[in-house]
Amino acid sequence: MSILYLLIPLSLILLGLAVWAFFWAVRHDQFEDLEGPAHRILFDDDDPPGEAPRRHGDADAPTGKHDKEA
């Protein structure tokens, strides 16, 4: 029973730290872009997202975003 006098304040301190860490993360925009890192893994490091990969010999290949087909 005497251990509860230690565990209850300790759990309240840990809860306070978790709440503080959550609000710190929200304030510093850690939850702004949740899908970006999941999509970024699909791209090569050499090609910026949104650009078509260039092949050797494609002199007339587009350098920007793909045109939407009708």
N, C-alpha and C. Protein backbone atom coordinates (compact mmCIF):
# COMPACT_ATOMS: atom_id res chain seq x y z
N MET A 1 0.82 -1.20 0.00
CA MET A 1 0.00 0.00 0.00
C MET A 1 0.85 1.26 0.00
N SER A 2 1.99 1.22 0.66
CA SER A 2 2.84 2.40 0.72
C SER A 2 3.49 2.70 -0.63
N ILE A 3 3.58 1.70 -1.51
CA ILE A 3 4.15 1.93 -2.84
C ILE A 3 3.26 2.85 -3.68
N LEU A 4 1.97 2.89 -3.37
CA LEU A 4 1.06 3.78 -4.10
C LEU A 4 1.41 5.24 -3.88
N TYR A 5 1.97 5.57 -2.71
CA TYR A 5 2.38 6.95 -2.44
C TYR A 5 3.54 7.36 -3.35
N LEU A 6 4.25 6.41 -3.86
CA LEU A 6 5.32 6.70 -4.82
C LEU A 6 4.82 6.60 -6.27
N LEU A 7 4.02 5.59 -6.57
CA LEU A 7 3.62 5.34 -7.95
C LEU A 7 2.60 6.36 -8.48
N ILE A 8 1.69 6.82 -7.64
CA ILE A 8 0.69 7.79 -8.11
C ILE A 8 1.34 9.11 -8.49
N PRO A 9 2.18 9.74 -7.66
CA PRO A 9 2.84 10.97 -8.11
C PRO A 9 3.77 10.74 -9.32
N LEU A 10 4.44 9.59 -9.35
CA LEU A 10 5.31 9.29 -10.49
C LEU A 10 4.50 9.17 -11.77
N SER A 11 3.35 8.52 -11.72
CA SER A 11 2.51 8.40 -12.92
C SER A 11 1.94 9.75 -13.33
N LEU A 12 1.62 10.61 -12.37
CA LEU A 12 1.13 11.95 -12.72
C LEU A 12 2.23 12.80 -13.36
N ILE A 13 3.45 12.63 -12.89
CA ILE A 13 4.59 13.35 -13.51
C ILE A 13 4.80 12.86 -14.94
N LEU A 14 4.75 11.56 -15.14
CA LEU A 14 4.91 11.01 -16.49
C LEU A 14 3.77 11.44 -17.42
N LEU A 15 2.56 11.49 -16.89
CA LEU A 15 1.44 11.97 -17.67
C LEU A 15 1.63 13.43 -18.05
N GLY A 16 2.09 14.22 -17.11
CA GLY A 16 2.36 15.64 -17.39
C GLY A 16 3.43 15.81 -18.46
N LEU A 17 4.48 14.99 -18.41
CA LEU A 17 5.52 15.06 -19.45
C LEU A 17 4.97 14.66 -20.82
N ALA A 18 4.12 13.64 -20.85
CA ALA A 18 3.54 13.21 -22.12
C ALA A 18 2.64 14.29 -22.71
N VAL A 19 1.84 14.94 -21.87
CA VAL A 19 0.97 16.02 -22.35
C VAL A 19 1.80 17.19 -22.83
N TRP A 20 2.87 17.52 -22.08
CA TRP A 20 3.75 18.62 -22.50
C TRP A 20 4.41 18.29 -23.85
N ALA A 21 4.89 17.06 -24.03
CA ALA A 21 5.53 16.66 -25.29
C ALA A 21 4.54 16.72 -26.45
N PHE A 22 3.29 16.34 -26.20
CA PHE A 22 2.29 16.40 -27.26
C PHE A 22 2.04 17.84 -27.69
N PHE A 23 1.83 18.73 -26.72
CA PHE A 23 1.57 20.13 -27.08
C PHE A 23 2.79 20.80 -27.69
N TRP A 24 3.99 20.39 -27.28
CA TRP A 24 5.20 20.92 -27.89
C TRP A 24 5.25 20.50 -29.37
N ALA A 25 4.93 19.24 -29.65
CA ALA A 25 4.95 18.74 -31.03
C ALA A 25 3.91 19.45 -31.88
N VAL A 26 2.74 19.71 -31.33
CA VAL A 26 1.70 20.43 -32.09
C VAL A 26 2.14 21.85 -32.36
N ARG A 27 2.73 22.50 -31.37
CA ARG A 27 3.16 23.89 -31.53
C ARG A 27 4.30 24.03 -32.53
N HIS A 28 5.13 23.02 -32.66
CA HIS A 28 6.27 23.07 -33.58
C HIS A 28 5.98 22.35 -34.90
N ASP A 29 4.71 22.23 -35.25
CA ASP A 29 4.26 21.73 -36.56
C ASP A 29 4.77 20.33 -36.89
N GLN A 30 4.86 19.46 -35.90
CA GLN A 30 5.28 18.09 -36.15
C GLN A 30 4.17 17.26 -36.78
N PHE A 31 2.92 17.72 -36.69
CA PHE A 31 1.79 16.97 -37.22
C PHE A 31 1.19 17.64 -38.45
N GLU A 32 1.92 18.56 -39.09
CA GLU A 32 1.39 19.29 -40.24
C GLU A 32 1.22 18.37 -41.45
N ASP A 33 2.26 17.65 -41.81
CA ASP A 33 2.24 16.84 -43.03
C ASP A 33 2.40 15.37 -42.66
N LEU A 34 1.30 14.68 -42.48
CA LEU A 34 1.38 13.28 -42.07
C LEU A 34 1.57 12.34 -43.25
N GLU A 35 1.19 12.75 -44.47
CA GLU A 35 1.29 11.88 -45.63
C GLU A 35 2.56 12.10 -46.44
N GLY A 36 3.23 13.22 -46.25
CA GLY A 36 4.44 13.53 -47.02
C GLY A 36 5.54 12.50 -46.89
N PRO A 37 5.94 12.13 -45.67
CA PRO A 37 7.00 11.13 -45.55
C PRO A 37 6.61 9.77 -46.13
N ALA A 38 5.34 9.42 -46.06
CA ALA A 38 4.91 8.13 -46.63
C ALA A 38 5.01 8.14 -48.15
N HIS A 39 4.78 9.28 -48.78
CA HIS A 39 4.89 9.37 -50.23
C HIS A 39 6.33 9.61 -50.65
N ARG A 40 7.11 10.27 -49.82
CA ARG A 40 8.49 10.60 -50.17
C ARG A 40 9.35 9.35 -50.31
N ILE A 41 9.00 8.28 -49.62
CA ILE A 41 9.79 7.05 -49.69
C ILE A 41 9.69 6.40 -51.07
N LEU A 42 8.65 6.74 -51.83
CA LEU A 42 8.46 6.14 -53.14
C LEU A 42 9.32 6.77 -54.23
N PHE A 43 9.89 7.95 -53.97
CA PHE A 43 10.69 8.66 -54.97
C PHE A 43 12.17 8.39 -54.75
N ASP A 44 12.93 8.44 -55.84
CA ASP A 44 14.38 8.34 -55.74
C ASP A 44 14.91 9.63 -55.14
N ASP A 45 16.07 9.54 -54.53
CA ASP A 45 16.69 10.72 -53.94
C ASP A 45 17.14 11.71 -55.01
N ASP A 46 17.49 11.21 -56.21
CA ASP A 46 18.00 12.07 -57.27
C ASP A 46 16.89 12.87 -57.94
N ASP A 47 15.67 12.34 -58.01
CA ASP A 47 14.58 13.02 -58.69
C ASP A 47 13.70 13.74 -57.69
N PRO A 48 13.52 15.06 -57.87
CA PRO A 48 12.58 15.75 -56.99
C PRO A 48 11.15 15.28 -57.25
N PRO A 49 10.28 15.25 -56.24
CA PRO A 49 8.91 14.79 -56.44
C PRO A 49 8.18 15.63 -57.47
N GLY A 50 7.39 15.00 -58.30
CA GLY A 50 6.59 15.71 -59.29
C GLY A 50 7.24 15.81 -60.66
N GLU A 51 8.50 15.40 -60.79
CA GLU A 51 9.16 15.48 -62.08
C GLU A 51 9.33 14.08 -62.65
N ALA A 52 9.25 14.00 -63.97
CA ALA A 52 9.40 12.72 -64.65
C ALA A 52 10.87 12.32 -64.65
N PRO A 53 11.17 11.05 -64.49
CA PRO A 53 12.56 10.62 -64.56
C PRO A 53 13.09 10.78 -65.98
N ARG A 54 14.30 11.26 -66.10
CA ARG A 54 14.92 11.49 -67.42
C ARG A 54 15.70 10.25 -67.81
N ARG A 55 15.53 9.82 -69.07
CA ARG A 55 16.31 8.71 -69.60
C ARG A 55 17.33 9.29 -70.56
N HIS A 56 18.40 8.57 -70.73
CA HIS A 56 19.42 9.02 -71.67
C HIS A 56 18.87 8.92 -73.08
N GLY A 57 19.06 9.98 -73.86
CA GLY A 57 18.59 9.98 -75.23
C GLY A 57 17.23 10.65 -75.40
N ASP A 58 16.58 11.05 -74.36
CA ASP A 58 15.29 11.74 -74.47
C ASP A 58 15.53 13.24 -74.53
N ALA A 59 15.84 13.73 -75.70
CA ALA A 59 16.11 15.16 -75.84
C ALA A 59 14.83 15.98 -75.70
N ASP A 60 13.70 15.42 -76.15
CA ASP A 60 12.46 16.19 -76.10
C ASP A 60 11.57 15.76 -74.93
N ALA A 61 12.13 15.11 -73.93
CA ALA A 61 11.33 14.69 -72.78
C ALA A 61 10.95 15.91 -71.95
N PRO A 62 9.76 15.92 -71.40
CA PRO A 62 9.34 17.07 -70.59
C PRO A 62 10.18 17.16 -69.32
N THR A 63 10.42 18.39 -68.91
CA THR A 63 11.22 18.59 -67.71
C THR A 63 10.35 18.95 -66.51
N GLY A 64 9.08 19.22 -66.73
CA GLY A 64 8.20 19.60 -65.64
C GLY A 64 7.27 18.47 -65.27
N LYS A 65 6.13 18.84 -64.74
CA LYS A 65 5.15 17.85 -64.32
C LYS A 65 4.49 17.22 -65.55
N HIS A 66 3.97 16.03 -65.35
CA HIS A 66 3.29 15.34 -66.45
C HIS A 66 2.02 16.08 -66.83
N ASP A 67 1.74 16.08 -68.13
CA ASP A 67 0.48 16.66 -68.59
C ASP A 67 -0.63 15.67 -68.29
N LYS A 68 -1.74 16.19 -67.83
CA LYS A 68 -2.89 15.31 -67.55
C LYS A 68 -3.53 14.91 -68.87
N GLU A 69 -3.79 13.62 -69.01
CA GLU A 69 -4.43 13.15 -70.24
C GLU A 69 -5.93 13.20 -70.08
N ALA A 70 -6.61 13.49 -71.17
CA ALA A 70 -8.06 13.63 -71.10
C ALA A 70 -8.77 12.33 -71.02
